[in-house]
């Protein structure tokens, strides 16, 4: 009887080892999963934007799952737009789900320099390949591949000019009239002009500054006109300025900033234009 005891113990040990191994094998038969839920545009201006990939990660394990890195590559028509890698310090809870924000910053002037045929105002297709790297305790590193296709705008600033100036009254104490501004949208996407600020110089004299809250929708490649009432005191220029405003045309300089709502977010676009404007009384 005593002689059989080591055999029984060995069998029990082997049985236990087999059970542990089966448990480990069962644990790692399931893999974590990741899926891109949404791509948002952030920090959008004329020089850069951020593509924020919202990725939902599911952890099937009974322990927390560390997320340690991201590899990415963006292409347009087989041409590279952006590639690289970044470290991450995230953790997916045990048998849980978590949405990660993975922002990728895009340098727009850099794209114009490197991508053949790219010009401001275009909307281009992109294909994104992401690799989310997780570190599975007891099994080692694992990559979760992700793909996404979409569109990327390369915004061009709107063109602003003065079409006409209609003077209602002119005296040494006050000049009143209406500027008709012409705004052109050179982009392949529509936008809504929400507001703008401006500074106007006429015949070499700075005459008025102002802010205008005016909603104007412009489709892609089209232009529209916006009336802007103005009034100012002729100041030291006095009669000399009034004489120049009494002609059929006047030299102007117009500068300021436009607040534009696009399908990709708000943009503040500066403008600075000089020229000659027709004027009537």
C-alpha atoms as a PDB file:
ATOM      1  CA  UNK A   1       0.000   0.000   0.000  1.00  0.00           C
ATOM      2  CA  UNK A   2       2.815   2.375   0.913  1.00  0.00           C
ATOM      3  CA  UNK A   3       4.521   1.648  -2.399  1.00  0.00           C
ATOM      4  CA  UNK A   4       1.545   2.954  -4.357  1.00  0.00           C
ATOM      5  CA  UNK A   5       1.460   6.295  -2.491  1.00  0.00           C
ATOM      6  CA  UNK A   6       4.167   8.069  -4.603  1.00  0.00           C
ATOM      7  CA  UNK A   7       2.360   6.939  -7.720  1.00  0.00           C
ATOM      8  CA  UNK A   8      -0.909   8.394  -6.465  1.00  0.00           C
ATOM      9  CA  UNK A   9       0.795  11.669  -5.443  1.00  0.00           C
ATOM     10  CA  UNK A  10       2.510  11.915  -8.822  1.00  0.00           C
ATOM     11  CA  UNK A  11      -0.785  11.299 -10.585  1.00  0.00           C
ATOM     12  CA  UNK A  12      -2.438  14.008  -8.511  1.00  0.00           C
ATOM     13  CA  UNK A  13       0.406  16.437  -9.218  1.00  0.00           C
ATOM     14  CA  UNK A  14       0.275  15.723 -12.930  1.00  0.00           C
ATOM     15  CA  UNK A  15      -3.484  16.065 -12.866  1.00  0.00           C
ATOM     16  CA  UNK A  16      -3.147  19.415 -11.112  1.00  0.00           C
ATOM     17  CA  UNK A  17      -0.509  20.618 -13.558  1.00  0.00           C
ATOM     18  CA  UNK A  18      -2.706  19.595 -16.444  1.00  0.00           C
ATOM     19  CA  UNK A  19      -5.606  21.505 -14.929  1.00  0.00           C
ATOM     20  CA  UNK A  20      -3.483  24.646 -14.529  1.00  0.00           C
ATOM     21  CA  UNK A  21      -2.214  24.358 -18.076  1.00  0.00           C
ATOM     22  CA  UNK A  22      -5.755  23.865 -19.367  1.00  0.00           C
ATOM     23  CA  UNK A  23      -6.842  26.921 -17.385  1.00  0.00           C
ATOM     24  CA  UNK A  24      -4.005  29.034 -18.811  1.00  0.00           C
ATOM     25  CA  UNK A  25      -4.687  27.787 -22.315  1.00  0.00           C
ATOM     26  CA  UNK A  26      -8.391  28.568 -21.925  1.00  0.00           C
ATOM     27  CA  UNK A  27      -7.559  32.046 -20.615  1.00  0.00           C
ATOM     28  CA  UNK A  28      -5.477  32.987 -23.643  1.00  0.00           C
ATOM     29  CA  UNK A  29      -7.698  31.408 -26.275  1.00  0.00           C
ATOM     30  CA  UNK A  30      -9.734  34.624 -26.162  1.00  0.00           C
ATOM     31  CA  UNK A  31      -8.073  37.709 -27.544  1.00  0.00           C
ATOM     32  CA  UNK A  32      -8.694  41.369 -26.754  1.00  0.00           C
ATOM     33  CA  UNK A  33     -10.489  43.271 -29.506  1.00  0.00           C
ATOM     34  CA  UNK A  34     -10.370  46.876 -30.681  1.00  0.00           C
ATOM     35  CA  UNK A  35     -12.644  48.833 -33.013  1.00  0.00           C
ATOM     36  CA  UNK A  36     -12.632  52.458 -34.191  1.00  0.00           C
ATOM     37  CA  UNK A  37     -15.954  53.988 -33.158  1.00  0.00           C
ATOM     38  CA  UNK A  38     -15.473  57.533 -34.456  1.00  0.00           C
ATOM     39  CA  UNK A  39     -12.937  59.981 -35.857  1.00  0.00           C
ATOM     40  CA  UNK A  40     -13.215  63.586 -34.706  1.00  0.00           C
ATOM     41  CA  UNK A  41     -11.470  66.738 -35.904  1.00  0.00           C
ATOM     42  CA  UNK A  42      -9.888  68.910 -33.210  1.00  0.00           C
ATOM     43  CA  UNK A  43      -7.567  71.941 -32.977  1.00  0.00           C
ATOM     44  CA  UNK A  44      -8.507  72.808 -36.564  1.00  0.00           C
ATOM     45  CA  UNK A  45      -6.921  75.862 -38.204  1.00  0.00           C
ATOM     46  CA  UNK A  46      -5.186  76.809 -41.427  1.00  0.00           C
ATOM     47  CA  UNK A  47      -1.867  75.262 -40.389  1.00  0.00           C
ATOM     48  CA  UNK A  48      -2.766  72.055 -38.583  1.00  0.00           C
ATOM     49  CA  UNK A  49      -5.479  69.775 -37.307  1.00  0.00           C
ATOM     50  CA  UNK A  50      -5.792  66.757 -35.068  1.00  0.00           C
ATOM     51  CA  UNK A  51      -7.503  63.538 -36.101  1.00  0.00           C
ATOM     52  CA  UNK A  52      -8.816  62.032 -32.870  1.00  0.00           C
ATOM     53  CA  UNK A  53      -9.483  58.301 -33.264  1.00  0.00           C
ATOM     54  CA  UNK A  54     -11.889  56.989 -30.605  1.00  0.00           C
ATOM     55  CA  UNK A  55     -11.112  53.296 -30.182  1.00  0.00           C
ATOM     56  CA  UNK A  56     -13.150  50.874 -28.082  1.00  0.00           C
ATOM     57  CA  UNK A  57     -11.013  48.123 -26.534  1.00  0.00           C
ATOM     58  CA  UNK A  58     -12.489  44.973 -24.958  1.00  0.00           C
ATOM     59  CA  UNK A  59     -10.497  42.972 -22.392  1.00  0.00           C
ATOM     60  CA  UNK A  60     -11.697  39.342 -21.999  1.00  0.00           C
ATOM     61  CA  UNK A  61      -9.176  38.475 -19.296  1.00  0.00           C
ATOM     62  CA  UNK A  62      -9.613  38.333 -15.519  1.00  0.00           C
ATOM     63  CA  UNK A  63      -6.791  40.853 -15.059  1.00  0.00           C
ATOM     64  CA  UNK A  64      -6.197  44.417 -16.238  1.00  0.00           C
ATOM     65  CA  UNK A  65      -4.724  44.754 -19.716  1.00  0.00           C
ATOM     66  CA  UNK A  66      -1.957  47.375 -20.209  1.00  0.00           C
ATOM     67  CA  UNK A  67      -1.977  49.371 -23.474  1.00  0.00           C
ATOM     68  CA  UNK A  68       1.605  50.426 -24.126  1.00  0.00           C
ATOM     69  CA  UNK A  69       1.905  51.923 -27.617  1.00  0.00           C
ATOM     70  CA  UNK A  70       0.463  52.955 -30.946  1.00  0.00           C
ATOM     71  CA  UNK A  71       1.834  52.620 -34.471  1.00  0.00           C
ATOM     72  CA  UNK A  72       0.165  54.533 -37.298  1.00  0.00           C
ATOM     73  CA  UNK A  73       0.354  55.216 -41.022  1.00  0.00           C
ATOM     74  CA  UNK A  74      -1.903  57.451 -43.123  1.00  0.00           C
ATOM     75  CA  UNK A  75      -1.949  57.391 -46.930  1.00  0.00           C
ATOM     76  CA  UNK A  76      -3.768  59.238 -49.693  1.00  0.00           C
ATOM     77  CA  UNK A  77      -3.864  57.693 -53.155  1.00  0.00           C
ATOM     78  CA  UNK A  78      -0.881  55.513 -52.185  1.00  0.00           C
ATOM     79  CA  UNK A  79       1.153  58.557 -51.090  1.00  0.00           C
ATOM     80  CA  UNK A  80       2.263  58.803 -47.440  1.00  0.00           C
ATOM     81  CA  UNK A  81       0.621  61.494 -45.319  1.00  0.00           C
ATOM     82  CA  UNK A  82       1.760  60.618 -41.835  1.00  0.00           C
ATOM     83  CA  UNK A  83       3.437  57.726 -40.033  1.00  0.00           C
ATOM     84  CA  UNK A  84       5.126  57.043 -36.743  1.00  0.00           C
ATOM     85  CA  UNK A  85       4.626  55.606 -33.287  1.00  0.00           C
ATOM     86  CA  UNK A  86       3.881  56.839 -29.797  1.00  0.00           C
ATOM     87  CA  UNK A  87       3.979  55.434 -26.286  1.00  0.00           C
ATOM     88  CA  UNK A  88       0.750  54.974 -24.366  1.00  0.00           C
ATOM     89  CA  UNK A  89       0.069  54.463 -20.662  1.00  0.00           C
ATOM     90  CA  UNK A  90      -3.467  53.111 -20.522  1.00  0.00           C
ATOM     91  CA  UNK A  91      -5.124  50.096 -18.944  1.00  0.00           C
ATOM     92  CA  UNK A  92      -8.284  48.213 -19.852  1.00  0.00           C
ATOM     93  CA  UNK A  93     -10.065  46.903 -16.742  1.00  0.00           C
ATOM     94  CA  UNK A  94     -10.528  43.185 -16.126  1.00  0.00           C
ATOM     95  CA  UNK A  95     -13.280  41.772 -18.371  1.00  0.00           C
ATOM     96  CA  UNK A  96     -14.185  45.344 -19.212  1.00  0.00           C
ATOM     97  CA  UNK A  97     -14.500  47.777 -22.084  1.00  0.00           C
ATOM     98  CA  UNK A  98     -12.815  51.191 -22.398  1.00  0.00           C
ATOM     99  CA  UNK A  99     -12.792  53.852 -25.119  1.00  0.00           C
ATOM    100  CA  UNK A 100      -9.370  55.363 -25.797  1.00  0.00           C
ATOM    101  CA  UNK A 101      -8.718  58.716 -27.487  1.00  0.00           C
ATOM    102  CA  UNK A 102      -5.816  58.417 -29.941  1.00  0.00           C
ATOM    103  CA  UNK A 103      -5.005  61.877 -31.387  1.00  0.00           C
ATOM    104  CA  UNK A 104      -2.810  62.263 -34.477  1.00  0.00           C
ATOM    105  CA  UNK A 105      -1.658  65.794 -35.357  1.00  0.00           C
ATOM    106  CA  UNK A 106      -1.452  66.666 -39.065  1.00  0.00           C
ATOM    107  CA  UNK A 107       0.830  69.483 -40.241  1.00  0.00           C
ATOM    108  CA  UNK A 108      -0.987  70.937 -43.267  1.00  0.00           C
ATOM    109  CA  UNK A 109       1.859  73.040 -44.773  1.00  0.00           C
ATOM    110  CA  UNK A 110       4.047  69.939 -44.476  1.00  0.00           C
ATOM    111  CA  UNK A 111       1.535  67.947 -46.525  1.00  0.00           C
ATOM    112  CA  UNK A 112       1.524  70.614 -49.229  1.00  0.00           C
ATOM    113  CA  UNK A 113       5.311  70.319 -49.450  1.00  0.00           C
ATOM    114  CA  UNK A 114       5.471  66.524 -49.595  1.00  0.00           C
ATOM    115  CA  UNK A 115       2.330  65.221 -51.318  1.00  0.00           C
ATOM    116  CA  UNK A 116       2.360  65.557 -55.108  1.00  0.00           C
ATOM    117  CA  UNK A 117      -0.523  67.529 -56.589  1.00  0.00           C
ATOM    118  CA  UNK A 118      -1.919  68.717 -53.258  1.00  0.00           C
ATOM    119  CA  UNK A 119      -3.234  72.297 -53.077  1.00  0.00           C
ATOM    120  CA  UNK A 120      -5.064  74.420 -50.484  1.00  0.00           C
ATOM    121  CA  UNK A 121      -8.824  74.097 -50.593  1.00  0.00           C
ATOM    122  CA  UNK A 122      -8.937  70.397 -51.455  1.00  0.00           C
ATOM    123  CA  UNK A 123     -10.669  67.586 -49.595  1.00  0.00           C
ATOM    124  CA  UNK A 124      -8.587  64.428 -50.010  1.00  0.00           C
ATOM    125  CA  UNK A 125      -9.273  60.756 -49.175  1.00  0.00           C
ATOM    126  CA  UNK A 126      -7.166  59.043 -46.543  1.00  0.00           C
ATOM    127  CA  UNK A 127      -6.599  55.452 -45.462  1.00  0.00           C
ATOM    128  CA  UNK A 128      -5.407  54.938 -41.897  1.00  0.00           C
ATOM    129  CA  UNK A 129      -3.708  51.827 -40.520  1.00  0.00           C
ATOM    130  CA  UNK A 130      -3.275  51.761 -36.752  1.00  0.00           C
ATOM    131  CA  UNK A 131      -1.648  49.162 -34.549  1.00  0.00           C
ATOM    132  CA  UNK A 132      -2.594  49.231 -30.878  1.00  0.00           C
ATOM    133  CA  UNK A 133       0.034  47.432 -28.779  1.00  0.00           C
ATOM    134  CA  UNK A 134      -1.024  45.686 -25.563  1.00  0.00           C
ATOM    135  CA  UNK A 135       1.128  43.776 -23.077  1.00  0.00           C
ATOM    136  CA  UNK A 136      -0.677  40.621 -21.937  1.00  0.00           C
ATOM    137  CA  UNK A 137       0.664  39.452 -18.544  1.00  0.00           C
ATOM    138  CA  UNK A 138       1.936  35.917 -18.924  1.00  0.00           C
ATOM    139  CA  UNK A 139       1.761  35.959 -22.722  1.00  0.00           C
ATOM    140  CA  UNK A 140       3.742  39.020 -23.806  1.00  0.00           C
ATOM    141  CA  UNK A 141       3.107  41.778 -26.366  1.00  0.00           C
ATOM    142  CA  UNK A 142       0.179  41.612 -28.746  1.00  0.00           C
ATOM    143  CA  UNK A 143      -0.824  43.906 -31.621  1.00  0.00           C
ATOM    144  CA  UNK A 144      -4.421  44.864 -32.379  1.00  0.00           C
ATOM    145  CA  UNK A 145      -4.693  46.087 -36.005  1.00  0.00           C
ATOM    146  CA  UNK A 146      -7.187  48.827 -36.966  1.00  0.00           C
ATOM    147  CA  UNK A 147      -8.103  50.420 -40.298  1.00  0.00           C
ATOM    148  CA  UNK A 148     -10.204  53.425 -41.251  1.00  0.00           C
ATOM    149  CA  UNK A 149     -10.878  55.461 -44.396  1.00  0.00           C
ATOM    150  CA  UNK A 150     -12.165  59.002 -44.512  1.00  0.00           C
ATOM    151  CA  UNK A 151     -11.691  62.500 -45.891  1.00  0.00           C
ATOM    152  CA  UNK A 152      -9.201  65.146 -44.869  1.00  0.00           C
ATOM    153  CA  UNK A 153      -9.675  68.871 -45.637  1.00  0.00           C
ATOM    154  CA  UNK A 154      -6.765  71.120 -46.618  1.00  0.00           C
ATOM    155  CA  UNK A 155      -8.411  74.492 -45.861  1.00  0.00           C
ATOM    156  CA  UNK A 156      -7.686  77.641 -47.851  1.00  0.00           C
ATOM    157  CA  UNK A 157      -8.457  81.068 -46.352  1.00  0.00           C
ATOM    158  CA  UNK A 158     -11.473  82.874 -47.846  1.00  0.00           C
ATOM    159  CA  UNK A 159     -10.790  85.845 -50.098  1.00  0.00           C
ATOM    160  CA  UNK A 160     -12.194  89.187 -48.883  1.00  0.00           C
ATOM    161  CA  UNK A 161     -12.428  92.415 -50.863  1.00  0.00           C
ATOM    162  CA  UNK A 162     -14.527  95.586 -51.052  1.00  0.00           C
ATOM    163  CA  UNK A 163     -16.895  95.555 -54.012  1.00  0.00           C
ATOM    164  CA  UNK A 164     -18.366  99.051 -53.531  1.00  0.00           C
ATOM    165  CA  UNK A 165     -18.676 101.833 -50.965  1.00  0.00           C
ATOM    166  CA  UNK A 166     -21.919 103.846 -50.820  1.00  0.00           C
ATOM    167  CA  UNK A 167     -21.590 107.082 -48.856  1.00  0.00           C
ATOM    168  CA  UNK A 168     -24.775 108.367 -47.234  1.00  0.00           C
ATOM    169  CA  UNK A 169     -23.337 111.534 -45.704  1.00  0.00           C
ATOM    170  CA  UNK A 170     -19.934 113.214 -45.447  1.00  0.00           C
ATOM    171  CA  UNK A 171     -18.973 116.153 -43.272  1.00  0.00           C
ATOM    172  CA  UNK A 172     -16.031 117.289 -41.163  1.00  0.00           C
ATOM    173  CA  UNK A 173     -17.706 115.783 -38.086  1.00  0.00           C
ATOM    174  CA  UNK A 174     -18.916 112.420 -39.431  1.00  0.00           C
ATOM    175  CA  UNK A 175     -18.766 110.173 -42.470  1.00  0.00           C
ATOM    176  CA  UNK A 176     -21.424 107.463 -42.792  1.00  0.00           C
ATOM    177  CA  UNK A 177     -21.860 104.815 -45.439  1.00  0.00           C
ATOM    178  CA  UNK A 178     -22.038 101.128 -46.308  1.00  0.00           C
ATOM    179  CA  UNK A 179     -19.217  98.848 -47.395  1.00  0.00           C
ATOM    180  CA  UNK A 180     -20.223  95.939 -49.583  1.00  0.00           C
ATOM    181  CA  UNK A 181     -17.749  93.182 -48.834  1.00  0.00           C
ATOM    182  CA  UNK A 182     -17.291  90.316 -51.261  1.00  0.00           C
ATOM    183  CA  UNK A 183     -16.272  87.002 -49.674  1.00  0.00           C
ATOM    184  CA  UNK A 184     -15.138  84.082 -51.852  1.00  0.00           C
ATOM    185  CA  UNK A 185     -14.964  80.464 -50.677  1.00  0.00           C
ATOM    186  CA  UNK A 186     -12.052  78.758 -52.529  1.00  0.00           C
ATOM    187  CA  UNK A 187     -12.579  75.418 -50.765  1.00  0.00           C
ATOM    188  CA  UNK A 188     -14.152  72.166 -51.932  1.00  0.00           C
ATOM    189  CA  UNK A 189     -16.425  72.280 -48.883  1.00  0.00           C
ATOM    190  CA  UNK A 190     -19.140  74.742 -47.885  1.00  0.00           C
ATOM    191  CA  UNK A 191     -18.817  76.934 -44.798  1.00  0.00           C
ATOM    192  CA  UNK A 192     -20.812  79.457 -42.787  1.00  0.00           C
ATOM    193  CA  UNK A 193     -19.231  82.796 -41.971  1.00  0.00           C
ATOM    194  CA  UNK A 194     -20.350  83.474 -38.394  1.00  0.00           C
ATOM    195  CA  UNK A 195     -18.583  86.740 -37.558  1.00  0.00           C
ATOM    196  CA  UNK A 196     -15.519  88.830 -38.353  1.00  0.00           C
ATOM    197  CA  UNK A 197     -13.467  91.769 -37.163  1.00  0.00           C
ATOM    198  CA  UNK A 198     -11.827  94.304 -39.457  1.00  0.00           C
ATOM    199  CA  UNK A 199      -9.728  97.439 -39.750  1.00  0.00           C
ATOM    200  CA  UNK A 200     -10.253  99.742 -42.734  1.00  0.00           C
ATOM    201  CA  UNK A 201      -7.873 102.318 -44.180  1.00  0.00           C
ATOM    202  CA  UNK A 202      -8.961 104.654 -46.985  1.00  0.00           C
ATOM    203  CA  UNK A 203      -6.575 106.746 -49.069  1.00  0.00           C
ATOM    204  CA  UNK A 204      -3.760 105.929 -46.651  1.00  0.00           C
ATOM    205  CA  UNK A 205      -5.710 106.862 -43.498  1.00  0.00           C
ATOM    206  CA  UNK A 206      -6.922 104.377 -40.896  1.00  0.00           C
ATOM    207  CA  UNK A 207     -10.573 105.307 -40.481  1.00  0.00           C
ATOM    208  CA  UNK A 208     -12.519 102.576 -38.692  1.00  0.00           C
ATOM    209  CA  UNK A 209     -12.314  99.281 -36.815  1.00  0.00           C
ATOM    210  CA  UNK A 210     -15.217  97.039 -36.009  1.00  0.00           C
ATOM    211  CA  UNK A 211     -16.694  93.628 -35.301  1.00  0.00           C
ATOM    212  CA  UNK A 212     -19.643  92.164 -37.185  1.00  0.00           C
ATOM    213  CA  UNK A 213     -21.791  89.164 -36.201  1.00  0.00           C
ATOM    214  CA  UNK A 214     -23.311  88.147 -39.519  1.00  0.00           C
ATOM    215  CA  UNK A 215     -24.200  84.621 -40.628  1.00  0.00           C
ATOM    216  CA  UNK A 216     -23.480  83.930 -44.292  1.00  0.00           C
ATOM    217  CA  UNK A 217     -23.457  80.463 -45.877  1.00  0.00           C
ATOM    218  CA  UNK A 218     -21.205  79.954 -48.898  1.00  0.00           C
ATOM    219  CA  UNK A 219     -21.142  76.783 -50.972  1.00  0.00           C
ATOM    220  CA  UNK A 220     -17.890  75.368 -52.321  1.00  0.00           C
ATOM    221  CA  UNK A 221     -16.216  77.674 -54.854  1.00  0.00           C
ATOM    222  CA  UNK A 222     -18.865  80.401 -54.601  1.00  0.00           C
ATOM    223  CA  UNK A 223     -18.882  84.018 -53.433  1.00  0.00           C
ATOM    224  CA  UNK A 224     -21.320  86.229 -51.590  1.00  0.00           C
ATOM    225  CA  UNK A 225     -21.706  89.859 -50.551  1.00  0.00           C
ATOM    226  CA  UNK A 226     -22.130  91.287 -47.063  1.00  0.00           C
ATOM    227  CA  UNK A 227     -23.218  94.905 -46.368  1.00  0.00           C
ATOM    228  CA  UNK A 228     -21.341  96.519 -43.461  1.00  0.00           C
ATOM    229  CA  UNK A 229     -22.504  99.923 -42.124  1.00  0.00           C
ATOM    230  CA  UNK A 230     -19.593 102.187 -41.123  1.00  0.00           C
ATOM    231  CA  UNK A 231     -19.231 105.635 -39.597  1.00  0.00           C
ATOM    232  CA  UNK A 232     -16.154 107.573 -38.574  1.00  0.00           C
ATOM    233  CA  UNK A 233     -14.746 111.022 -37.822  1.00  0.00           C
ATOM    234  CA  UNK A 234     -12.409 112.300 -40.572  1.00  0.00           C
ATOM    235  CA  UNK A 235      -9.919 113.457 -37.937  1.00  0.00           C
ATOM    236  CA  UNK A 236      -6.785 115.378 -38.894  1.00  0.00           C
ATOM    237  CA  UNK A 237      -7.164 114.486 -42.579  1.00  0.00           C
ATOM    238  CA  UNK A 238     -10.391 116.502 -42.662  1.00  0.00           C
ATOM    239  CA  UNK A 239     -11.225 118.088 -45.987  1.00  0.00           C
ATOM    240  CA  UNK A 240      -8.343 116.336 -47.791  1.00  0.00           C
ATOM    241  CA  UNK A 241      -9.799 112.917 -46.965  1.00  0.00           C
ATOM    242  CA  UNK A 242     -13.316 114.043 -47.853  1.00  0.00           C
ATOM    243  CA  UNK A 243     -12.008 115.179 -51.241  1.00  0.00           C
ATOM    244  CA  UNK A 244     -10.613 111.717 -51.945  1.00  0.00           C
ATOM    245  CA  UNK A 245     -13.832 110.074 -50.796  1.00  0.00           C
ATOM    246  CA  UNK A 246     -15.752 112.235 -53.213  1.00  0.00           C
ATOM    247  CA  UNK A 247     -14.208 110.609 -56.297  1.00  0.00           C
ATOM    248  CA  UNK A 248     -15.339 107.560 -58.244  1.00  0.00           C
ATOM    249  CA  UNK A 249     -12.732 105.234 -56.692  1.00  0.00           C
ATOM    250  CA  UNK A 250     -10.627 105.137 -53.546  1.00  0.00           C
ATOM    251  CA  UNK A 251      -7.587 103.122 -52.442  1.00  0.00           C
ATOM    252  CA  UNK A 252      -8.251 100.859 -49.466  1.00  0.00           C
ATOM    253  CA  UNK A 253      -6.567  98.418 -47.139  1.00  0.00           C
ATOM    254  CA  UNK A 254      -8.805  95.950 -45.318  1.00  0.00           C
ATOM    255  CA  UNK A 255      -7.500  93.496 -42.709  1.00  0.00           C
ATOM    256  CA  UNK A 256      -9.020  91.323 -40.018  1.00  0.00           C
ATOM    257  CA  UNK A 257     -10.125  87.819 -39.060  1.00  0.00           C
ATOM    258  CA  UNK A 258     -13.048  85.632 -40.096  1.00  0.00           C
ATOM    259  CA  UNK A 259     -14.729  83.090 -37.810  1.00  0.00           C
ATOM    260  CA  UNK A 260     -15.870  80.245 -40.079  1.00  0.00           C
ATOM    261  CA  UNK A 261     -17.911  77.157 -39.268  1.00  0.00           C
ATOM    262  CA  UNK A 262     -16.954  74.198 -41.481  1.00  0.00           C
ATOM    263  CA  UNK A 263     -18.066  70.549 -41.512  1.00  0.00           C
ATOM    264  CA  UNK A 264     -14.783  69.799 -39.716  1.00  0.00           C
ATOM    265  CA  UNK A 265     -14.923  72.481 -37.021  1.00  0.00           C
ATOM    266  CA  UNK A 266     -14.466  76.210 -36.521  1.00  0.00           C
ATOM    267  CA  UNK A 267     -11.603  78.081 -38.197  1.00  0.00           C
ATOM    268  CA  UNK A 268     -10.275  81.579 -37.538  1.00  0.00           C
ATOM    269  CA  UNK A 269      -8.955  82.817 -40.891  1.00  0.00           C
ATOM    270  CA  UNK A 270      -6.992  86.075 -41.188  1.00  0.00           C
ATOM    271  CA  UNK A 271      -7.319  88.292 -44.250  1.00  0.00           C
ATOM    272  CA  UNK A 272      -5.371  91.298 -45.550  1.00  0.00           C
ATOM    273  CA  UNK A 273      -6.419  92.888 -48.827  1.00  0.00           C
ATOM    274  CA  UNK A 274      -5.584  96.134 -50.601  1.00  0.00           C
ATOM    275  CA  UNK A 275      -7.059  97.526 -53.798  1.00  0.00           C
ATOM    276  CA  UNK A 276      -9.304 100.187 -55.291  1.00  0.00           C
ATOM    277  CA  UNK A 277     -13.024 100.271 -54.587  1.00  0.00           C
ATOM    278  CA  UNK A 278     -15.782 102.007 -56.542  1.00  0.00           C
ATOM    279  CA  UNK A 279     -17.615 104.576 -54.417  1.00  0.00           C
ATOM    280  CA  UNK A 280     -20.909 106.405 -54.857  1.00  0.00           C
ATOM    281  CA  UNK A 281     -22.762 109.144 -53.016  1.00  0.00           C
END
